[in-house]
């Protein structure tokens, strides 16, 4: 209980600081939800990067930054009258608490759910009962395409629309690759659509194998960047001793440096 009191006290401290800043700081006073939006997105990506790097201290810091943004939005909303759409942090917190209780009848009710799939399926059914016309309404339009594809597939899986096993999905991947190659050979305008189908099928296969495709691609991005920067540094060092610069090298020479970078950066 003491630890809970400490958490509540820390949260109250943040709320009071936010009120002070909103009243006394010219920058904070000027902000709107619209002006904060791009900063919130940036903070979310910074948290994502810290998670991928397994940097616990940085995750702690970025979590705090995101909490600040949530409190900031609530503070701005609280400055409006209720009939103008105003609300405060208590409304937001009570809203999510009510939703969590309603969406977890296997914890707070008499519904049986023995595994993760059953929980997800029940979650989607409950949302439809709440008035949503489609299980896909919960997928934000602004999500990056790779993440959106994964979420779409996960959503429809929740209502039973899915492949039976990973082998079927891989057959679909191979089918889509063949169709893409056919459109490329024909120089067809449909090549772009078929390439999208290939990606969608690969994301589906990754999902079946328990791989988050966005995380997998970001790890590849980071690995490539680290290797390329290592290669650049090695070439710069050689150039300072009379060797060639990167732009003067042949592809074969560049590939040699690349192979060395791959060995150096795993």
Protein backbone atom coordinates (compact mmCIF):
# COMPACT_ATOMS: atom_id res chain seq x y z
CA UNK A 1 0.00 0.00 0.00
CA UNK A 2 2.87 2.35 0.79
CA UNK A 3 4.26 1.93 -2.72
CA UNK A 4 0.83 2.71 -4.19
CA UNK A 5 0.73 5.88 -2.12
CA UNK A 6 4.12 6.87 -3.53
CA UNK A 7 2.86 6.34 -7.07
CA UNK A 8 -0.26 8.40 -6.44
CA UNK A 9 1.81 11.16 -4.86
CA UNK A 10 4.16 11.21 -7.86
CA UNK A 11 1.21 11.44 -10.25
CA UNK A 12 -0.33 14.26 -8.20
CA UNK A 13 3.02 16.05 -8.32
CA UNK A 14 3.03 15.86 -12.12
CA UNK A 15 -0.54 17.19 -12.30
CA UNK A 16 0.35 20.15 -10.09
CA UNK A 17 3.49 20.93 -12.09
CA UNK A 18 1.45 20.79 -15.30
CA UNK A 19 -1.04 23.27 -13.85
CA UNK A 20 1.83 25.60 -12.88
CA UNK A 21 3.44 25.40 -16.31
CA UNK A 22 0.17 25.97 -18.11
CA UNK A 23 -0.43 29.08 -16.01
CA UNK A 24 3.07 30.57 -15.82
CA UNK A 25 5.22 29.34 -18.75
CA UNK A 26 4.73 31.23 -22.07
CA UNK A 27 5.61 28.15 -24.15
CA UNK A 28 3.35 25.74 -22.27
CA UNK A 29 0.52 28.25 -22.19
CA UNK A 30 0.68 28.63 -25.97
CA UNK A 31 0.40 24.92 -26.78
CA UNK A 32 -2.70 23.28 -28.25
CA UNK A 33 -3.56 19.65 -28.87
CA UNK A 34 -2.69 20.22 -32.51
CA UNK A 35 0.73 21.72 -31.74
CA UNK A 36 1.56 18.86 -29.37
CA UNK A 37 0.52 16.11 -31.77
CA UNK A 38 3.76 15.83 -33.76
CA UNK A 39 5.80 16.00 -30.55
CA UNK A 40 3.80 13.12 -29.09
CA UNK A 41 4.46 11.05 -32.20
CA UNK A 42 8.18 11.80 -31.87
CA UNK A 43 8.17 10.77 -28.22
CA UNK A 44 6.40 7.53 -29.12
CA UNK A 45 9.10 6.66 -31.64
CA UNK A 46 11.79 7.49 -29.09
CA UNK A 47 10.17 5.07 -26.64
CA UNK A 48 9.97 2.46 -29.39
CA UNK A 49 13.68 2.88 -30.11
CA UNK A 50 14.57 2.53 -26.42
CA UNK A 51 12.52 -0.68 -26.22
CA UNK A 52 14.25 -2.14 -29.26
CA UNK A 53 17.63 -1.32 -27.71
CA UNK A 54 16.53 -2.85 -24.37
CA UNK A 55 17.66 0.35 -22.66
CA UNK A 56 15.76 0.21 -19.36
CA UNK A 57 16.85 3.65 -18.16
CA UNK A 58 15.87 5.28 -21.44
CA UNK A 59 12.52 3.43 -21.43
CA UNK A 60 11.86 4.91 -17.98
CA UNK A 61 12.63 8.41 -19.23
CA UNK A 62 10.56 8.09 -22.40
CA UNK A 63 7.63 6.64 -20.49
CA UNK A 64 7.72 9.75 -18.33
CA UNK A 65 7.80 11.96 -21.43
CA UNK A 66 4.71 10.24 -22.83
CA UNK A 67 2.90 10.50 -19.49
CA UNK A 68 3.62 14.22 -19.53
CA UNK A 69 1.98 14.49 -22.94
CA UNK A 70 -1.13 12.63 -21.78
CA UNK A 71 -1.40 14.94 -18.77
CA UNK A 72 -0.82 17.95 -21.06
CA UNK A 73 -3.75 16.97 -23.32
CA UNK A 74 -5.98 16.45 -20.28
CA UNK A 75 -4.98 19.82 -18.82
CA UNK A 76 -5.83 21.60 -22.08
CA UNK A 77 -9.19 19.81 -22.22
CA UNK A 78 -9.97 20.70 -18.60
CA UNK A 79 -9.72 24.39 -19.45
CA UNK A 80 -12.84 24.12 -21.58
CA UNK A 81 -16.38 24.10 -20.24
CA UNK A 82 -18.13 20.73 -20.24
CA UNK A 83 -20.59 21.90 -22.90
CA UNK A 84 -17.61 22.76 -25.12
CA UNK A 85 -16.19 19.26 -24.94
CA UNK A 86 -14.16 19.81 -21.81
CA UNK A 87 -12.97 16.97 -19.61
CA UNK A 88 -10.14 16.31 -17.18
CA UNK A 89 -7.66 13.57 -16.32
CA UNK A 90 -10.12 11.94 -13.92
CA UNK A 91 -12.63 11.53 -16.76
CA UNK A 92 -9.93 9.97 -18.92
CA UNK A 93 -8.71 7.59 -16.20
CA UNK A 94 -12.22 6.56 -15.15
CA UNK A 95 -13.08 5.99 -18.79
CA UNK A 96 -10.22 3.58 -19.37
CA UNK A 97 -10.92 1.84 -16.04
CA UNK A 98 -14.56 1.30 -17.02
CA UNK A 99 -13.49 0.03 -20.45
CA UNK A 100 -10.98 -2.43 -18.98
CA UNK A 101 -13.58 -3.83 -16.59
CA UNK A 102 -16.20 -4.12 -19.35
CA UNK A 103 -13.71 -5.71 -21.78
CA UNK A 104 -12.49 -8.29 -19.25
CA UNK A 105 -15.62 -10.17 -18.19
CA UNK A 106 -13.40 -13.24 -17.67
CA UNK A 107 -11.84 -11.32 -14.76
CA UNK A 108 -14.70 -9.13 -13.55
CA UNK A 109 -17.63 -11.27 -14.69
CA UNK A 110 -18.61 -14.88 -15.35
CA UNK A 111 -17.21 -15.34 -18.88
CA UNK A 112 -14.71 -18.16 -19.43
CA UNK A 113 -11.49 -17.39 -21.35
CA UNK A 114 -8.64 -19.85 -20.93
CA UNK A 115 -6.13 -18.48 -23.43
CA UNK A 116 -5.04 -15.35 -25.29
CA UNK A 117 -7.05 -16.14 -28.43
CA UNK A 118 -10.26 -16.48 -26.42
CA UNK A 119 -9.61 -13.14 -24.74
CA UNK A 120 -9.02 -11.39 -28.09
CA UNK A 121 -12.11 -12.96 -29.67
CA UNK A 122 -14.28 -11.89 -26.75
CA UNK A 123 -12.76 -8.38 -26.89
CA UNK A 124 -13.79 -7.94 -30.54
CA UNK A 125 -17.30 -9.27 -29.89
CA UNK A 126 -17.75 -6.80 -27.05
CA UNK A 127 -16.66 -3.89 -29.23
CA UNK A 128 -19.24 -4.83 -31.86
CA UNK A 129 -21.91 -4.94 -29.15
CA UNK A 130 -20.87 -1.43 -28.14
CA UNK A 131 -22.01 -0.16 -31.53
CA UNK A 132 -18.96 -0.50 -33.77
CA UNK A 133 -19.98 -1.55 -37.27
CA UNK A 134 -16.69 -3.25 -38.07
CA UNK A 135 -13.88 -4.87 -36.11
CA UNK A 136 -11.55 -2.79 -38.28
CA UNK A 137 -12.85 0.53 -36.96
CA UNK A 138 -10.23 0.35 -34.23
CA UNK A 139 -7.34 0.45 -36.71
CA UNK A 140 -6.12 4.09 -36.94
CA UNK A 141 -5.97 5.41 -40.50
CA UNK A 142 -2.70 7.18 -39.80
CA UNK A 143 -0.74 4.07 -38.82
CA UNK A 144 2.34 3.28 -40.90
CA UNK A 145 1.32 0.78 -43.59
CA UNK A 146 3.41 -2.09 -42.21
CA UNK A 147 1.96 -1.72 -38.73
CA UNK A 148 -1.55 -1.23 -40.13
CA UNK A 149 -1.38 -4.49 -42.10
CA UNK A 150 -0.34 -6.38 -38.97
CA UNK A 151 -3.14 -4.82 -36.92
CA UNK A 152 -5.74 -5.53 -39.62
CA UNK A 153 -4.75 -9.19 -39.70
CA UNK A 154 -4.75 -9.43 -35.93
CA UNK A 155 -8.18 -7.79 -35.73
CA UNK A 156 -9.89 -10.14 -38.20
CA UNK A 157 -8.21 -13.07 -36.50
CA UNK A 158 -10.12 -12.08 -33.37
CA UNK A 159 -13.43 -12.96 -35.06
CA UNK A 160 -12.14 -16.20 -36.57
CA UNK A 161 -11.19 -15.01 -40.07
CA UNK A 162 -7.72 -16.50 -40.38
CA UNK A 163 -5.66 -19.25 -41.91
CA UNK A 164 -5.55 -22.62 -40.18
CA UNK A 165 -1.76 -22.97 -40.14
CA UNK A 166 1.49 -21.31 -41.19
CA UNK A 167 2.05 -23.68 -44.13
CA UNK A 168 -1.10 -22.33 -45.81
CA UNK A 169 0.14 -18.79 -45.32
CA UNK A 170 3.53 -19.60 -46.83
CA UNK A 171 1.82 -21.12 -49.87
CA UNK A 172 -0.01 -17.79 -50.20
CA UNK A 173 3.32 -15.94 -50.00
CA UNK A 174 4.73 -18.05 -52.83
CA UNK A 175 1.55 -17.55 -54.87
CA UNK A 176 1.75 -13.77 -54.45
CA UNK A 177 5.44 -13.74 -55.39
CA UNK A 178 4.67 -15.63 -58.60
CA UNK A 179 1.88 -13.17 -59.45
CA UNK A 180 4.19 -10.23 -58.74
CA UNK A 181 6.92 -11.68 -60.95
CA UNK A 182 4.37 -12.21 -63.72
CA UNK A 183 3.24 -8.57 -63.58
CA UNK A 184 6.85 -7.37 -63.53
CA UNK A 185 7.66 -9.47 -66.60
CA UNK A 186 4.64 -8.01 -68.38
CA UNK A 187 5.59 -4.48 -67.26
CA UNK A 188 2.04 -4.20 -65.97
CA UNK A 189 0.56 -1.34 -63.98
CA UNK A 190 -0.62 -3.97 -61.51
CA UNK A 191 2.93 -4.68 -60.33
CA UNK A 192 2.57 -2.23 -57.45
CA UNK A 193 -0.65 -3.89 -56.25
CA UNK A 194 0.92 -7.33 -56.50
CA UNK A 195 3.96 -6.18 -54.55
CA UNK A 196 1.62 -4.95 -51.84
CA UNK A 197 0.00 -8.39 -51.80
CA UNK A 198 3.44 -9.98 -51.35
CA UNK A 199 4.16 -7.75 -48.36
CA UNK A 200 0.72 -8.38 -46.86
CA UNK A 201 1.19 -12.14 -47.16
CA UNK A 202 4.70 -11.97 -45.64
CA UNK A 203 3.38 -9.95 -42.72
CA UNK A 204 0.70 -12.60 -42.24
CA UNK A 205 3.34 -15.34 -42.18
CA UNK A 206 5.43 -13.39 -39.68
CA UNK A 207 2.37 -13.05 -37.46
CA UNK A 208 1.83 -16.81 -37.54
CA UNK A 209 5.46 -17.31 -36.53
CA UNK A 210 5.21 -14.88 -33.64
CA UNK A 211 7.37 -12.24 -35.33
CA UNK A 212 6.41 -8.59 -35.21
CA UNK A 213 7.24 -7.43 -38.76
CA UNK A 214 7.70 -3.78 -37.80
CA UNK A 215 10.18 -4.70 -35.09
CA UNK A 216 11.95 -7.12 -37.43
CA UNK A 217 12.32 -4.50 -40.17
CA UNK A 218 13.49 -1.84 -37.70
CA UNK A 219 16.15 -4.19 -36.36
CA UNK A 220 17.31 -4.73 -39.94
CA UNK A 221 17.34 -0.97 -40.53
CA UNK A 222 19.45 -0.40 -37.43
CA UNK A 223 21.82 -3.23 -38.33
CA UNK A 224 22.26 -1.94 -41.88
CA UNK A 225 22.90 1.60 -40.64
CA UNK A 226 25.48 0.43 -38.13
CA UNK A 227 27.29 -1.67 -40.74
CA UNK A 228 27.23 1.06 -43.37
CA UNK A 229 28.55 3.66 -40.91
CA UNK A 230 31.30 1.21 -39.89
CA UNK A 231 32.17 0.79 -43.57
CA UNK A 232 32.26 4.57 -44.07
CA UNK A 233 34.63 4.99 -41.13
CA UNK A 234 36.95 2.27 -42.44
CA UNK A 235 37.06 3.86 -45.90
CA UNK A 236 37.70 7.32 -44.43
CA UNK A 237 40.63 5.91 -42.48
CA UNK A 238 42.08 4.36 -45.62
CA UNK A 239 41.56 7.58 -47.58
CA UNK A 240 43.55 9.53 -44.98
CA UNK A 241 46.46 7.16 -45.64
CA UNK A 242 46.30 7.67 -49.38
CA UNK A 243 43.54 5.24 -50.23
CA UNK A 244 40.41 5.77 -52.29
CA UNK A 245 37.29 7.59 -51.14
CA UNK A 246 33.95 5.78 -51.24
CA UNK A 247 32.82 7.51 -54.44
CA UNK A 248 36.01 6.42 -56.21
CA UNK A 249 35.63 2.74 -55.39
CA UNK A 250 34.21 0.04 -57.59
CA UNK A 251 31.21 -1.97 -56.43
CA UNK A 252 33.54 -4.93 -55.86
CA UNK A 253 35.71 -2.85 -53.54
CA UNK A 254 32.67 -1.56 -51.69
CA UNK A 255 31.36 -5.10 -51.27
CA UNK A 256 34.69 -6.12 -49.74
CA UNK A 257 34.35 -3.39 -47.14
CA UNK A 258 30.72 -4.36 -46.62
CA UNK A 259 31.67 -7.96 -45.89
CA UNK A 260 34.19 -6.75 -43.32
CA UNK A 261 31.56 -4.50 -41.74
CA UNK A 262 29.15 -7.44 -41.48
CA UNK A 263 31.76 -9.41 -39.57
CA UNK A 264 32.44 -6.45 -37.27
CA UNK A 265 28.80 -5.54 -36.61
CA UNK A 266 26.50 -8.48 -35.90
